[in-house]
Amino acid sequence: MADAQKVLANQVSDKRADGSFTDPLPFGVTFENVIDTREDGSKRTLAQFYDNYMAFINQAPFIYYGDTQPENPHIKLWIDTAHDNQSELI
């Protein structure tokens, strides 16, 4: 079954006696159709939330605390915990 093609089903139709199908009825939703309807009136979709989140993760500068140099290109400030400001005085 690992090689089987995956199919996403999000609607269903009834088959009539004559072999034709009724208009499809959706039973799932897309990101664009999940809407925040809370009282603030923003009406944001799940797609907008996801797109903004991914833009933040991929573009925002981050701060890293650690004793090894970070490899992530989004780290803009590295707090090196392997040394302190007194290390060079001894």
PDB file of N, CA and C in Angstrom:
ATOM      1  N   MET A   1       0.819  -1.198   0.000  1.00  0.00           N
ATOM      2  CA  MET A   1       0.000   0.000   0.000  1.00  0.00           C
ATOM      3  C   MET A   1       0.860   1.258   0.000  1.00  0.00           C
ATOM      4  N   ALA A   2       2.139   1.128   0.322  1.00  0.00           N
ATOM      5  CA  ALA A   2       3.018   2.290   0.373  1.00  0.00           C
ATOM      6  C   ALA A   2       3.175   2.953  -0.991  1.00  0.00           C
ATOM      7  N   ASP A   3       3.031   2.178  -2.049  1.00  0.00           N
ATOM      8  CA  ASP A   3       3.189   2.728  -3.394  1.00  0.00           C
ATOM      9  C   ASP A   3       1.887   3.259  -3.982  1.00  0.00           C
ATOM     10  N   ALA A   4       0.784   3.097  -3.267  1.00  0.00           N
ATOM     11  CA  ALA A   4      -0.514   3.547  -3.787  1.00  0.00           C
ATOM     12  C   ALA A   4      -0.543   5.073  -3.873  1.00  0.00           C
ATOM     13  N   GLN A   5      -1.229   5.571  -4.874  1.00  0.00           N
ATOM     14  CA  GLN A   5      -1.373   7.019  -5.050  1.00  0.00           C
ATOM     15  C   GLN A   5      -2.341   7.556  -4.012  1.00  0.00           C
ATOM     16  N   LYS A   6      -1.993   8.668  -3.378  1.00  0.00           N
ATOM     17  CA  LYS A   6      -2.849   9.275  -2.368  1.00  0.00           C
ATOM     18  C   LYS A   6      -3.880  10.169  -3.051  1.00  0.00           C
ATOM     19  N   VAL A   7      -5.114  10.081  -2.589  1.00  0.00           N
ATOM     20  CA  VAL A   7      -6.202  10.879  -3.138  1.00  0.00           C
ATOM     21  C   VAL A   7      -6.858  11.622  -1.981  1.00  0.00           C
ATOM     22  N   LEU A   8      -7.020  12.921  -2.122  1.00  0.00           N
ATOM     23  CA  LEU A   8      -7.696  13.731  -1.128  1.00  0.00           C
ATOM     24  C   LEU A   8      -9.149  13.903  -1.546  1.00  0.00           C
ATOM     25  N   ALA A   9     -10.059  13.399  -0.730  1.00  0.00           N
ATOM     26  CA  ALA A   9     -11.487  13.522  -1.021  1.00  0.00           C
ATOM     27  C   ALA A   9     -12.064  14.596  -0.111  1.00  0.00           C
ATOM     28  N   ASN A  10     -12.782  15.556  -0.677  1.00  0.00           N
ATOM     29  CA  ASN A  10     -13.388  16.613   0.134  1.00  0.00           C
ATOM     30  C   ASN A  10     -14.828  16.916  -0.274  1.00  0.00           C
ATOM     31  N   GLN A  11     -15.397  16.043  -1.099  1.00  0.00           N
ATOM     32  CA  GLN A  11     -16.799  16.206  -1.479  1.00  0.00           C
ATOM     33  C   GLN A  11     -17.362  14.846  -1.880  1.00  0.00           C
ATOM     34  N   VAL A  12     -18.695  14.758  -1.875  1.00  0.00           N
ATOM     35  CA  VAL A  12     -19.367  13.513  -2.225  1.00  0.00           C
ATOM     36  C   VAL A  12     -20.625  13.850  -3.034  1.00  0.00           C
ATOM     37  N   SER A  13     -20.996  12.939  -3.928  1.00  0.00           N
ATOM     38  CA  SER A  13     -22.225  13.080  -4.709  1.00  0.00           C
ATOM     39  C   SER A  13     -23.017  11.781  -4.611  1.00  0.00           C
ATOM     40  N   ASP A  14     -24.318  11.901  -4.706  1.00  0.00           N
ATOM     41  CA  ASP A  14     -25.181  10.718  -4.782  1.00  0.00           C
ATOM     42  C   ASP A  14     -25.321  10.309  -6.244  1.00  0.00           C
ATOM     43  N   LYS A  15     -25.370   8.994  -6.459  1.00  0.00           N
ATOM     44  CA  LYS A  15     -25.580   8.496  -7.818  1.00  0.00           C
ATOM     45  C   LYS A  15     -27.074   8.225  -8.001  1.00  0.00           C
ATOM     46  N   ARG A  16     -27.626   8.821  -9.024  1.00  0.00           N
ATOM     47  CA  ARG A  16     -29.041   8.654  -9.328  1.00  0.00           C
ATOM     48  C   ARG A  16     -29.272   7.309 -10.030  1.00  0.00           C
ATOM     49  N   ALA A  17     -30.544   6.932 -10.105  1.00  0.00           N
ATOM     50  CA  ALA A  17     -30.915   5.667 -10.751  1.00  0.00           C
ATOM     51  C   ALA A  17     -30.492   5.641 -12.216  1.00  0.00           C
ATOM     52  N   ASP A  18     -30.462   6.823 -12.861  1.00  0.00           N
ATOM     53  CA  ASP A  18     -30.080   6.881 -14.276  1.00  0.00           C
ATOM     54  C   ASP A  18     -28.563   6.907 -14.493  1.00  0.00           C
ATOM     55  N   GLY A  19     -27.800   6.829 -13.395  1.00  0.00           N
ATOM     56  CA  GLY A  19     -26.345   6.807 -13.499  1.00  0.00           C
ATOM     57  C   GLY A  19     -25.680   8.164 -13.369  1.00  0.00           C
ATOM     58  N   SER A  20     -26.439   9.233 -13.411  1.00  0.00           N
ATOM     59  CA  SER A  20     -25.868  10.581 -13.249  1.00  0.00           C
ATOM     60  C   SER A  20     -25.661  10.868 -11.759  1.00  0.00           C
ATOM     61  N   PHE A  21     -24.913  11.904 -11.486  1.00  0.00           N
ATOM     62  CA  PHE A  21     -24.602  12.261 -10.108  1.00  0.00           C
ATOM     63  C   PHE A  21     -25.250  13.584  -9.719  1.00  0.00           C
ATOM     64  N   THR A  22     -25.588  13.696  -8.438  1.00  0.00           N
ATOM     65  CA  THR A  22     -26.105  14.960  -7.913  1.00  0.00           C
ATOM     66  C   THR A  22     -24.959  15.954  -7.795  1.00  0.00           C
ATOM     67  N   ASP A  23     -25.299  17.221  -7.550  1.00  0.00           N
ATOM     68  CA  ASP A  23     -24.256  18.221  -7.316  1.00  0.00           C
ATOM     69  C   ASP A  23     -23.420  17.795  -6.110  1.00  0.00           C
ATOM     70  N   PRO A  24     -22.116  18.014  -6.164  1.00  0.00           N
ATOM     71  CA  PRO A  24     -21.258  17.573  -5.060  1.00  0.00           C
ATOM     72  C   PRO A  24     -21.558  18.334  -3.763  1.00  0.00           C
ATOM     73  N   LEU A  25     -21.454  17.617  -2.651  1.00  0.00           N
ATOM     74  CA  LEU A  25     -21.615  18.194  -1.320  1.00  0.00           C
ATOM     75  C   LEU A  25     -20.264  18.143  -0.607  1.00  0.00           C
ATOM     76  N   PRO A  26     -19.733  19.288  -0.213  1.00  0.00           N
ATOM     77  CA  PRO A  26     -18.438  19.284   0.462  1.00  0.00           C
ATOM     78  C   PRO A  26     -18.552  18.736   1.887  1.00  0.00           C
ATOM     79  N   PHE A  27     -17.537  17.991   2.325  1.00  0.00           N
ATOM     80  CA  PHE A  27     -17.511  17.531   3.707  1.00  0.00           C
ATOM     81  C   PHE A  27     -16.198  17.870   4.388  1.00  0.00           C
ATOM     82  N   GLY A  28     -15.377  18.611   3.731  1.00  0.00           N
ATOM     83  CA  GLY A  28     -14.129  19.096   4.309  1.00  0.00           C
ATOM     84  C   GLY A  28     -13.967  20.553   3.931  1.00  0.00           C
ATOM     85  N   VAL A  29     -12.955  21.186   4.492  1.00  0.00           N
ATOM     86  CA  VAL A  29     -12.724  22.594   4.174  1.00  0.00           C
ATOM     87  C   VAL A  29     -11.265  22.815   3.826  1.00  0.00           C
ATOM     88  N   THR A  30     -11.026  23.843   3.045  1.00  0.00           N
ATOM     89  CA  THR A  30      -9.672  24.255   2.723  1.00  0.00           C
ATOM     90  C   THR A  30      -9.235  25.341   3.695  1.00  0.00           C
ATOM     91  N   PHE A  31      -7.956  25.647   3.720  1.00  0.00           N
ATOM     92  CA  PHE A  31      -7.432  26.711   4.590  1.00  0.00           C
ATOM     93  C   PHE A  31      -8.171  28.023   4.350  1.00  0.00           C
ATOM     94  N   GLU A  32      -8.508  28.313   3.111  1.00  0.00           N
ATOM     95  CA  GLU A  32      -9.171  29.565   2.779  1.00  0.00           C
ATOM     96  C   GLU A  32     -10.592  29.634   3.331  1.00  0.00           C
ATOM     97  N   ASN A  33     -11.180  28.467   3.605  1.00  0.00           N
ATOM     98  CA  ASN A  33     -12.560  28.433   4.081  1.00  0.00           C
ATOM     99  C   ASN A  33     -12.691  28.291   5.598  1.00  0.00           C
ATOM    100  N   VAL A  34     -11.567  28.245   6.318  1.00  0.00           N
ATOM    101  CA  VAL A  34     -11.612  28.256   7.776  1.00  0.00           C
ATOM    102  C   VAL A  34     -11.406  29.707   8.188  1.00  0.00           C
ATOM    103  N   ILE A  35     -12.466  30.325   8.698  1.00  0.00           N
ATOM    104  CA  ILE A  35     -12.453  31.767   8.969  1.00  0.00           C
ATOM    105  C   ILE A  35     -12.647  32.015  10.458  1.00  0.00           C
ATOM    106  N   ASP A  36     -11.821  32.904  11.005  1.00  0.00           N
ATOM    107  CA  ASP A  36     -11.949  33.321  12.403  1.00  0.00           C
ATOM    108  C   ASP A  36     -13.087  34.344  12.481  1.00  0.00           C
ATOM    109  N   THR A  37     -14.165  33.977  13.141  1.00  0.00           N
ATOM    110  CA  THR A  37     -15.338  34.857  13.209  1.00  0.00           C
ATOM    111  C   THR A  37     -15.515  35.466  14.595  1.00  0.00           C
ATOM    112  N   ARG A  38     -14.425  35.547  15.359  1.00  0.00           N
ATOM    113  CA  ARG A  38     -14.562  36.156  16.683  1.00  0.00           C
ATOM    114  C   ARG A  38     -14.968  37.619  16.567  1.00  0.00           C
ATOM    115  N   GLU A  39     -15.304  38.211  17.669  1.00  0.00           N
ATOM    116  CA  GLU A  39     -15.941  39.527  17.689  1.00  0.00           C
ATOM    117  C   GLU A  39     -15.077  40.691  17.220  1.00  0.00           C
ATOM    118  N   ASP A  40     -13.772  40.509  17.082  1.00  0.00           N
ATOM    119  CA  ASP A  40     -12.945  41.658  16.673  1.00  0.00           C
ATOM    120  C   ASP A  40     -13.165  42.061  15.216  1.00  0.00           C
ATOM    121  N   GLY A  41     -13.860  41.235  14.460  1.00  0.00           N
ATOM    122  CA  GLY A  41     -14.220  41.602  13.097  1.00  0.00           C
ATOM    123  C   GLY A  41     -13.129  41.414  12.065  1.00  0.00           C
ATOM    124  N   SER A  42     -12.028  40.762  12.408  1.00  0.00           N
ATOM    125  CA  SER A  42     -10.902  40.638  11.478  1.00  0.00           C
ATOM    126  C   SER A  42     -11.170  39.662  10.336  1.00  0.00           C
ATOM    127  N   LYS A  43     -11.938  38.633  10.582  1.00  0.00           N
ATOM    128  CA  LYS A  43     -12.299  37.641   9.558  1.00  0.00           C
ATOM    129  C   LYS A  43     -11.082  37.068   8.831  1.00  0.00           C
ATOM    130  N   ARG A  44     -10.037  36.763   9.586  1.00  0.00           N
ATOM    131  CA  ARG A  44      -8.837  36.173   8.984  1.00  0.00           C
ATOM    132  C   ARG A  44      -9.067  34.684   8.695  1.00  0.00           C
ATOM    133  N   THR A  45      -8.427  34.193   7.641  1.00  0.00           N
ATOM    134  CA  THR A  45      -8.532  32.776   7.301  1.00  0.00           C
ATOM    135  C   THR A  45      -7.350  32.016   7.883  1.00  0.00           C
ATOM    136  N   LEU A  46      -7.512  30.713   7.956  1.00  0.00           N
ATOM    137  CA  LEU A  46      -6.408  29.866   8.399  1.00  0.00           C
ATOM    138  C   LEU A  46      -5.231  29.976   7.430  1.00  0.00           C
ATOM    139  N   ALA A  47      -5.508  30.151   6.157  1.00  0.00           N
ATOM    140  CA  ALA A  47      -4.440  30.318   5.162  1.00  0.00           C
ATOM    141  C   ALA A  47      -3.630  31.579   5.451  1.00  0.00           C
ATOM    142  N   GLN A  48      -4.286  32.677   5.803  1.00  0.00           N
ATOM    143  CA  GLN A  48      -3.572  33.920   6.122  1.00  0.00           C
ATOM    144  C   GLN A  48      -2.710  33.728   7.370  1.00  0.00           C
ATOM    145  N   PHE A  49      -3.271  33.080   8.385  1.00  0.00           N
ATOM    146  CA  PHE A  49      -2.510  32.823   9.608  1.00  0.00           C
ATOM    147  C   PHE A  49      -1.260  31.999   9.305  1.00  0.00           C
ATOM    148  N   TYR A  50      -1.428  30.912   8.558  1.00  0.00           N
ATOM    149  CA  TYR A  50      -0.310  30.036   8.215  1.00  0.00           C
ATOM    150  C   TYR A  50       0.743  30.779   7.387  1.00  0.00           C
ATOM    151  N   ASP A  51       0.315  31.522   6.391  1.00  0.00           N
ATOM    152  CA  ASP A  51       1.260  32.265   5.548  1.00  0.00           C
ATOM    153  C   ASP A  51       2.051  33.285   6.366  1.00  0.00           C
ATOM    154  N   ASN A  52       1.372  34.003   7.272  1.00  0.00           N
ATOM    155  CA  ASN A  52       2.069  34.971   8.122  1.00  0.00           C
ATOM    156  C   ASN A  52       3.021  34.293   9.090  1.00  0.00           C
ATOM    157  N   TYR A  53       2.613  33.169   9.648  1.00  0.00           N
ATOM    158  CA  TYR A  53       3.479  32.415  10.556  1.00  0.00           C
ATOM    159  C   TYR A  53       4.744  31.946   9.831  1.00  0.00           C
ATOM    160  N   MET A  54       4.579  31.365   8.650  1.00  0.00           N
ATOM    161  CA  MET A  54       5.731  30.873   7.896  1.00  0.00           C
ATOM    162  C   MET A  54       6.643  32.016   7.465  1.00  0.00           C
ATOM    163  N   ALA A  55       6.094  33.169   7.114  1.00  0.00           N
ATOM    164  CA  ALA A  55       6.919  34.331   6.766  1.00  0.00           C
ATOM    165  C   ALA A  55       7.745  34.761   7.978  1.00  0.00           C
ATOM    166  N   PHE A  56       7.134  34.750   9.170  1.00  0.00           N
ATOM    167  CA  PHE A  56       7.867  35.099  10.384  1.00  0.00           C
ATOM    168  C   PHE A  56       8.995  34.109  10.647  1.00  0.00           C
ATOM    169  N   ILE A  57       8.696  32.819  10.572  1.00  0.00           N
ATOM    170  CA  ILE A  57       9.703  31.787  10.842  1.00  0.00           C
ATOM    171  C   ILE A  57      10.857  31.890   9.843  1.00  0.00           C
ATOM    172  N   ASN A  58      10.570  32.201   8.595  1.00  0.00           N
ATOM    173  CA  ASN A  58      11.604  32.221   7.562  1.00  0.00           C
ATOM    174  C   ASN A  58      12.343  33.548   7.441  1.00  0.00           C
ATOM    175  N   GLN A  59      11.825  34.630   8.030  1.00  0.00           N
ATOM    176  CA  GLN A  59      12.435  35.940   7.813  1.00  0.00           C
ATOM    177  C   GLN A  59      12.833  36.675   9.082  1.00  0.00           C
ATOM    178  N   ALA A  60      12.220  36.370  10.212  1.00  0.00           N
ATOM    179  CA  ALA A  60      12.467  37.147  11.428  1.00  0.00           C
ATOM    180  C   ALA A  60      13.849  36.846  12.004  1.00  0.00           C
ATOM    181  N   PRO A  61      14.501  37.864  12.541  1.00  0.00           N
ATOM    182  CA  PRO A  61      15.788  37.614  13.211  1.00  0.00           C
ATOM    183  C   PRO A  61      15.541  36.983  14.587  1.00  0.00           C
ATOM    184  N   PHE A  62      16.378  36.025  14.949  1.00  0.00           N
ATOM    185  CA  PHE A  62      16.247  35.340  16.224  1.00  0.00           C
ATOM    186  C   PHE A  62      17.497  35.533  17.067  1.00  0.00           C
ATOM    187  N   ILE A  63      17.348  35.326  18.376  1.00  0.00           N
ATOM    188  CA  ILE A  63      18.467  35.361  19.319  1.00  0.00           C
ATOM    189  C   ILE A  63      18.724  33.928  19.758  1.00  0.00           C
ATOM    190  N   TYR A  64      20.000  33.543  19.798  1.00  0.00           N
ATOM    191  CA  TYR A  64      20.378  32.182  20.176  1.00  0.00           C
ATOM    192  C   TYR A  64      21.309  32.232  21.372  1.00  0.00           C
ATOM    193  N   TYR A  65      21.018  31.431  22.389  1.00  0.00           N
ATOM    194  CA  TYR A  65      21.878  31.268  23.549  1.00  0.00           C
ATOM    195  C   TYR A  65      22.463  29.868  23.478  1.00  0.00           C
ATOM    196  N   GLY A  66      23.783  29.753  23.498  1.00  0.00           N
ATOM    197  CA  GLY A  66      24.389  28.426  23.476  1.00  0.00           C
ATOM    198  C   GLY A  66      25.888  28.495  23.413  1.00  0.00           C
ATOM    199  N   ASP A  67      26.513  27.327  23.583  1.00  0.00           N
ATOM    200  CA  ASP A  67      27.975  27.277  23.600  1.00  0.00           C
ATOM    201  C   ASP A  67      28.574  26.893  22.249  1.00  0.00           C
ATOM    202  N   THR A  68      27.741  26.604  21.257  1.00  0.00           N
ATOM    203  CA  THR A  68      28.242  26.309  19.914  1.00  0.00           C
ATOM    204  C   THR A  68      27.640  27.305  18.925  1.00  0.00           C
ATOM    205  N   GLN A  69      28.420  27.631  17.918  1.00  0.00           N
ATOM    206  CA  GLN A  69      27.961  28.619  16.933  1.00  0.00           C
ATOM    207  C   GLN A  69      26.731  28.098  16.192  1.00  0.00           C
ATOM    208  N   PRO A  70      25.688  28.914  16.076  1.00  0.00           N
ATOM    209  CA  PRO A  70      24.470  28.465  15.386  1.00  0.00           C
ATOM    210  C   PRO A  70      24.679  28.330  13.883  1.00  0.00           C
ATOM    211  N   GLU A  71      23.957  27.395  13.293  1.00  0.00           N
ATOM    212  CA  GLU A  71      24.009  27.200  11.840  1.00  0.00           C
ATOM    213  C   GLU A  71      22.829  27.846  11.139  1.00  0.00           C
ATOM    214  N   ASN A  72      21.787  28.192  11.877  1.00  0.00           N
ATOM    215  CA  ASN A  72      20.583  28.779  11.308  1.00  0.00           C
ATOM    216  C   ASN A  72      20.895  30.190  10.801  1.00  0.00           C
ATOM    217  N   PRO A  73      20.617  30.510   9.529  1.00  0.00           N
ATOM    218  CA  PRO A  73      20.931  31.833   8.990  1.00  0.00           C
ATOM    219  C   PRO A  73      20.045  32.952   9.549  1.00  0.00           C
ATOM    220  N   HIS A  74      18.978  32.599  10.254  1.00  0.00           N
ATOM    221  CA  HIS A  74      18.083  33.612  10.811  1.00  0.00           C
ATOM    222  C   HIS A  74      18.518  34.075  12.197  1.00  0.00           C
ATOM    223  N   ILE A  75      19.591  33.493  12.726  1.00  0.00           N
ATOM    224  CA  ILE A  75      20.119  33.933  14.015  1.00  0.00           C
ATOM    225  C   ILE A  75      20.911  35.220  13.772  1.00  0.00           C
ATOM    226  N   LYS A  76      20.442  36.313  14.361  1.00  0.00           N
ATOM    227  CA  LYS A  76      21.119  37.602  14.164  1.00  0.00           C
ATOM    228  C   LYS A  76      21.952  37.992  15.374  1.00  0.00           C
ATOM    229  N   LEU A  77      21.667  37.394  16.536  1.00  0.00           N
ATOM    230  CA  LEU A  77      22.427  37.684  17.743  1.00  0.00           C
ATOM    231  C   LEU A  77      22.708  36.370  18.449  1.00  0.00           C
ATOM    232  N   TRP A  78      24.011  36.075  18.650  1.00  0.00           N
ATOM    233  CA  TRP A  78      24.407  34.844  19.317  1.00  0.00           C
ATOM    234  C   TRP A  78      24.988  35.208  20.664  1.00  0.00           C
ATOM    235  N   ILE A  79      24.383  34.718  21.733  1.00  0.00           N
ATOM    236  CA  ILE A  79      24.919  34.873  23.081  1.00  0.00           C
ATOM    237  C   ILE A  79      25.753  33.633  23.353  1.00  0.00           C
ATOM    238  N   ASP A  80      27.074  33.778  23.298  1.00  0.00           N
ATOM    239  CA  ASP A  80      27.998  32.659  23.470  1.00  0.00           C
ATOM    240  C   ASP A  80      28.122  32.340  24.954  1.00  0.00           C
ATOM    241  N   THR A  81      27.586  31.212  25.377  1.00  0.00           N
ATOM    242  CA  THR A  81      27.637  30.826  26.783  1.00  0.00           C
ATOM    243  C   THR A  81      28.873  30.000  27.125  1.00  0.00           C
ATOM    244  N   ALA A  82      29.713  29.714  26.123  1.00  0.00           N
ATOM    245  CA  ALA A  82      30.939  28.962  26.385  1.00  0.00           C
ATOM    246  C   ALA A  82      31.995  29.849  27.042  1.00  0.00           C
ATOM    247  N   HIS A  83      31.875  31.158  26.902  1.00  0.00           N
ATOM    248  CA  HIS A  83      32.828  32.111  27.466  1.00  0.00           C
ATOM    249  C   HIS A  83      32.061  33.206  28.184  1.00  0.00           C
ATOM    250  N   ASP A  84      32.729  33.865  29.081  1.00  0.00           N
ATOM    251  CA  ASP A  84      32.104  35.028  29.712  1.00  0.00           C
ATOM    252  C   ASP A  84      33.034  36.226  29.534  1.00  0.00           C
ATOM    253  N   ASN A  85      32.643  37.386  30.011  1.00  0.00           N
ATOM    254  CA  ASN A  85      33.451  38.579  29.784  1.00  0.00           C
ATOM    255  C   ASN A  85      34.692  38.641  30.672  1.00  0.00           C
ATOM    256  N   GLN A  86      34.874  37.649  31.538  1.00  0.00           N
ATOM    257  CA  GLN A  86      36.057  37.594  32.383  1.00  0.00           C
ATOM    258  C   GLN A  86      37.081  36.570  31.889  1.00  0.00           C
ATOM    259  N   SER A  87      36.774  35.799  30.881  1.00  0.00           N
ATOM    260  CA  SER A  87      37.628  34.705  30.412  1.00  0.00           C
ATOM    261  C   SER A  87      39.015  35.182  30.006  1.00  0.00           C
ATOM    262  N   GLU A  88      39.127  36.343  29.392  1.00  0.00           N
ATOM    263  CA  GLU A  88      40.403  36.826  28.877  1.00  0.00           C
ATOM    264  C   GLU A  88      41.283  37.451  29.967  1.00  0.00           C
ATOM    265  N   LEU A  89      40.759  37.673  31.162  1.00  0.00           N
ATOM    266  CA  LEU A  89      41.516  38.323  32.215  1.00  0.00           C
ATOM    267  C   LEU A  89      42.448  37.385  32.952  1.00  0.00           C
ATOM    268  N   ILE A  90      42.256  36.104  32.831  1.00  0.00           N
ATOM    269  CA  ILE A  90      43.083  35.133  33.574  1.00  0.00           C
ATOM    270  C   ILE A  90      44.267  34.700  32.764  1.00  0.00           C
TER     271      ILE A  90
END
